[in-house]
Amino acid sequence: MMSEELRKAREFEAAYGPQIPESERPLFHVTAGVGWLNDPNGFSVYRGEYHLFYQYHPYSTRWGPMHWGHLKTQDFVKWERLPVALAPDCDYDRAGCWSGGALELPDGRQLLMYTGRRTQEENGREVAYQTQCLAVGDGRDYQKYEGNPVLTAENLPSGASPYDFRDPKIWREPDGTYHAVTVTRMEDGGGAVLLYASDDGFAWRFERVLTRCRNEYGTMWECPDFFSLDGQQVIFVSPMEMRPMGLEFHVGYGAVYMLGRYHQGDGAFSRETVRSLDYGLDFYAAQTLETLDGRRVMIAWMQNWATVACQTHGARCFGEMTIPRELSIRDGQLIQNPVRELERYRVNPVIYRDILLTEEISLEGVRGRVLDMTVSVAPTSGNGYRAFKVRVAKDGEREIAVQYTPDDGVITLDRSRCGAAYDITNVRKFLARRRDGELKLRFIMDRHSLELFVNDGEQAASLLLYAPESAEGLTFEAEGGIVRMNIEKYGLEVP
């Protein structure tokens, strides 16, 4: 039976979502039906299709009591909207249905696992408890499990907080057992990833602490994921209150991946590599799935909690996801590139070879705000150069600049002139792998976003663009020398 809260949310979405013109949305990035979107949830395979849920407040473009929005796709580019899946309508989740995961049960039903948040007054102040809950459905309609919540403070290890206990990511092993990872805050204030197990997906038990922050990488961790990839185990977390570490980690909210080994015998995860998952300005809460053909694909919220006040006046939906990305490991490093399905939507190729570049130039046919463009540069024989720069979303007043300086291997993203009238971070720098001045950059632009992939996915950087869509100029420049440049640029059309 549908609750009044869910019925109201579905009716609101159905009434007001279609009123938002497609021109106000990105062409192929996921947005909310209406209102607010943040973390991706339940990214999973169900009945041969890929489902994505998301943290959702349909009634405004501000964070509010969390619902679960819902979409599905067959190719990660074209998405079909489905009705709101969950609303905060029970005592244990009245303050919000927070992030979680999903999977297909052997009997053909879809199981959702999410964090239920409830508040109560204690000693004259309001406190919020977080527990893990289940819902079961058919890919469209869901009923919350009568045994909720299935994980509470009683299932936490010593020193863990019941007030910061959230974001379950669930999966089923080949032997039929179920596992989930959650995060919690430990007694030292730092985050930890917890592993749980179940024989049927409904009765859960605590297994072990997989890894702890110990206040080395931020404080509280959010939105964990744990999976195997190319012979290694990978953990994702999104830390709060990160401190900068060189050019690898930036201050504030971050996204971190850990490569290592999981030892089945004692249950220990040993870290071997810890690095940023994305080097841009807008990226958080990544979640993955394994595709039907065996690829590991990731999606994330293309936003930063520090910039959520930067909203266009009058906008009726806020927030978008990254393009889904294929993951692999190469030379001990996580590699990520846009899903290959995007290439099916390329149109109008423009190709330039062996352009000798010195001063700033524009090229015929190379402009726009919806594009897939790869640029490669190398110094000419016997000549070095000080810097190479690409400017996008350019109209004489506004621009976003991407600069590479080969002497130190630094890439600088600068959107300080992109048109946002807010006091936010607009410049970020990170190290690209040194290749004697050679560089390959792939730009994916979708109206108001830019995702940059460096050297075939060795680094990725995501950022939102605040310049009006009419700013579509694109220029190239070399400083202090001559570079040889190749360009392959496509438009993108998604009917």
Foldseek 3Di string as FASTA:
>chain_A
DDDPQQVVQQVLLVVCLVVDDCVLDWQFFDFASWADWFWWAAQEDAPQKTKIWTFDDRPHNDDAATWIWIWIGNQLGDIDGAGTAGGLDDQQAVRHFAHEHWYAAPVRKIKTKTKGWHWDDDPRDIAIFIAIWMWIGNRHYIDTDPPPPQGAPVQDDPQWDRRAKTHWYKDADPVQKIKIWIKTAGNLQAIWIWMWIDNRVRHIHTDGTADIDSCVAAGYWHQWDWDDAPHWIKIKTWHAQGPDDPQFDHGGIFIKMFTFHQDVVVRYTDTDDITGQAFADFWDNKDWYQHPVGWIKIKTWRHHPVCSVQDDPPGGTDTTMDRIWTWHDDPNAIFTDHRPSQVVFWDDKDKDFFDKFAFKDFDPPPKFQAKKKKKKKDADPPKDFQKKKKWWLADPQFTWIWMAGQVQQKIKTARVRLDGPDPDDGIGMHHDDHDNRIWMWIWGGTQFKIWIAIPNGRHIYIHGGPHHRVSITMMIHTHGHIMTMIMIMTGGDDD
